[in-house]
Amino acid sequence: MKAAVDQEKCMGCGLCVDICPVEAIQIVDEKAVVDDSCIECGACIDECPTEAITLQD
């Protein structure tokens, strides 16, 4: 499982990038992208103002 970003909801604010403890999120083309180093901590989910991030199987 890892965090997944709904690209339509993401506004590219970068709050998730700043909160991620393992630097698993980057802003690419003004949208958040989560890589495989995600540890499923959920910090980004709580931080996202548009609820664009969820945990996926």
C-alpha atoms as a PDB file:
ATOM      1  CA  MET A   1       0.000   0.000   0.000  1.00  0.00           C
ATOM      2  CA  LYS A   2       1.097   3.570  -0.581  1.00  0.00           C
ATOM      3  CA  ALA A   3      -0.377   7.014  -0.737  1.00  0.00           C
ATOM      4  CA  ALA A   4      -2.060   7.834  -4.040  1.00  0.00           C
ATOM      5  CA  VAL A   5      -2.833  11.294  -5.361  1.00  0.00           C
ATOM      6  CA  ASP A   6      -6.025  12.167  -7.210  1.00  0.00           C
ATOM      7  CA  GLN A   7      -4.475  14.381  -9.883  1.00  0.00           C
ATOM      8  CA  GLU A   8      -7.768  16.187 -10.514  1.00  0.00           C
ATOM      9  CA  LYS A   9      -8.063  17.259  -6.859  1.00  0.00           C
ATOM     10  CA  CYS A  10      -4.370  18.083  -6.327  1.00  0.00           C
ATOM     11  CA  MET A  11      -3.584  21.797  -6.561  1.00  0.00           C
ATOM     12  CA  GLY A  12       0.187  21.350  -6.251  1.00  0.00           C
ATOM     13  CA  CYS A  13       0.488  23.347  -3.019  1.00  0.00           C
ATOM     14  CA  GLY A  14       3.398  21.229  -1.743  1.00  0.00           C
ATOM     15  CA  LEU A  15       2.172  20.859   1.838  1.00  0.00           C
ATOM     16  CA  CYS A  16       2.442  17.076   1.494  1.00  0.00           C
ATOM     17  CA  VAL A  17       6.044  17.396   0.299  1.00  0.00           C
ATOM     18  CA  ASP A  18       6.932  19.433   3.373  1.00  0.00           C
ATOM     19  CA  ILE A  19       5.250  17.028   5.844  1.00  0.00           C
ATOM     20  CA  CYS A  20       6.498  13.702   4.397  1.00  0.00           C
ATOM     21  CA  PRO A  21       9.089  12.224   6.810  1.00  0.00           C
ATOM     22  CA  VAL A  22      10.783  10.107   4.120  1.00  0.00           C
ATOM     23  CA  GLU A  23      10.672  12.603   1.227  1.00  0.00           C
ATOM     24  CA  ALA A  24       8.526  10.240  -0.848  1.00  0.00           C
ATOM     25  CA  ILE A  25       6.512  13.025  -2.490  1.00  0.00           C
ATOM     26  CA  GLN A  26       7.558  15.441  -5.207  1.00  0.00           C
ATOM     27  CA  ILE A  27       5.710  18.075  -7.198  1.00  0.00           C
ATOM     28  CA  VAL A  28       5.854  17.146 -10.895  1.00  0.00           C
ATOM     29  CA  ASP A  29       4.075  19.295 -13.476  1.00  0.00           C
ATOM     30  CA  GLU A  30       2.336  21.153 -10.616  1.00  0.00           C
ATOM     31  CA  LYS A  31       0.912  17.925  -9.099  1.00  0.00           C
ATOM     32  CA  ALA A  32       2.035  15.737  -6.199  1.00  0.00           C
ATOM     33  CA  VAL A  33       3.563  12.370  -7.078  1.00  0.00           C
ATOM     34  CA  VAL A  34       4.306   9.662  -4.481  1.00  0.00           C
ATOM     35  CA  ASP A  35       7.192   7.243  -5.047  1.00  0.00           C
ATOM     36  CA  ASP A  36       7.780   3.726  -3.720  1.00  0.00           C
ATOM     37  CA  SER A  37       9.604   4.918  -0.606  1.00  0.00           C
ATOM     38  CA  CYS A  38       6.211   5.831   0.956  1.00  0.00           C
ATOM     39  CA  ILE A  39       5.903   4.304   4.453  1.00  0.00           C
ATOM     40  CA  GLU A  40       2.105   4.712   4.680  1.00  0.00           C
ATOM     41  CA  CYS A  41       2.288   7.004   7.709  1.00  0.00           C
ATOM     42  CA  GLY A  42      -0.697   9.076   6.591  1.00  0.00           C
ATOM     43  CA  ALA A  43       0.869  12.447   7.392  1.00  0.00           C
ATOM     44  CA  CYS A  44       0.216  13.705   3.869  1.00  0.00           C
ATOM     45  CA  ILE A  45      -3.426  12.641   3.998  1.00  0.00           C
ATOM     46  CA  ASP A  46      -4.034  14.750   7.090  1.00  0.00           C
ATOM     47  CA  GLU A  47      -2.129  17.711   5.607  1.00  0.00           C
ATOM     48  CA  CYS A  48      -3.817  17.842   2.175  1.00  0.00           C
ATOM     49  CA  PRO A  49      -6.325  20.725   2.031  1.00  0.00           C
ATOM     50  CA  THR A  50      -8.179  19.262  -0.988  1.00  0.00           C
ATOM     51  CA  GLU A  51      -8.339  15.649   0.285  1.00  0.00           C
ATOM     52  CA  ALA A  52      -6.518  14.530  -2.862  1.00  0.00           C
ATOM     53  CA  ILE A  53      -4.424  11.845  -1.104  1.00  0.00           C
ATOM     54  CA  THR A  54      -5.612   8.402  -0.012  1.00  0.00           C
ATOM     55  CA  LEU A  55      -3.956   5.086   0.859  1.00  0.00           C
ATOM     56  CA  GLN A  56      -4.275   2.552  -1.950  1.00  0.00           C
ATOM     57  CA  ASP A  57      -3.559  -1.191  -2.194  1.00  0.00           C
END
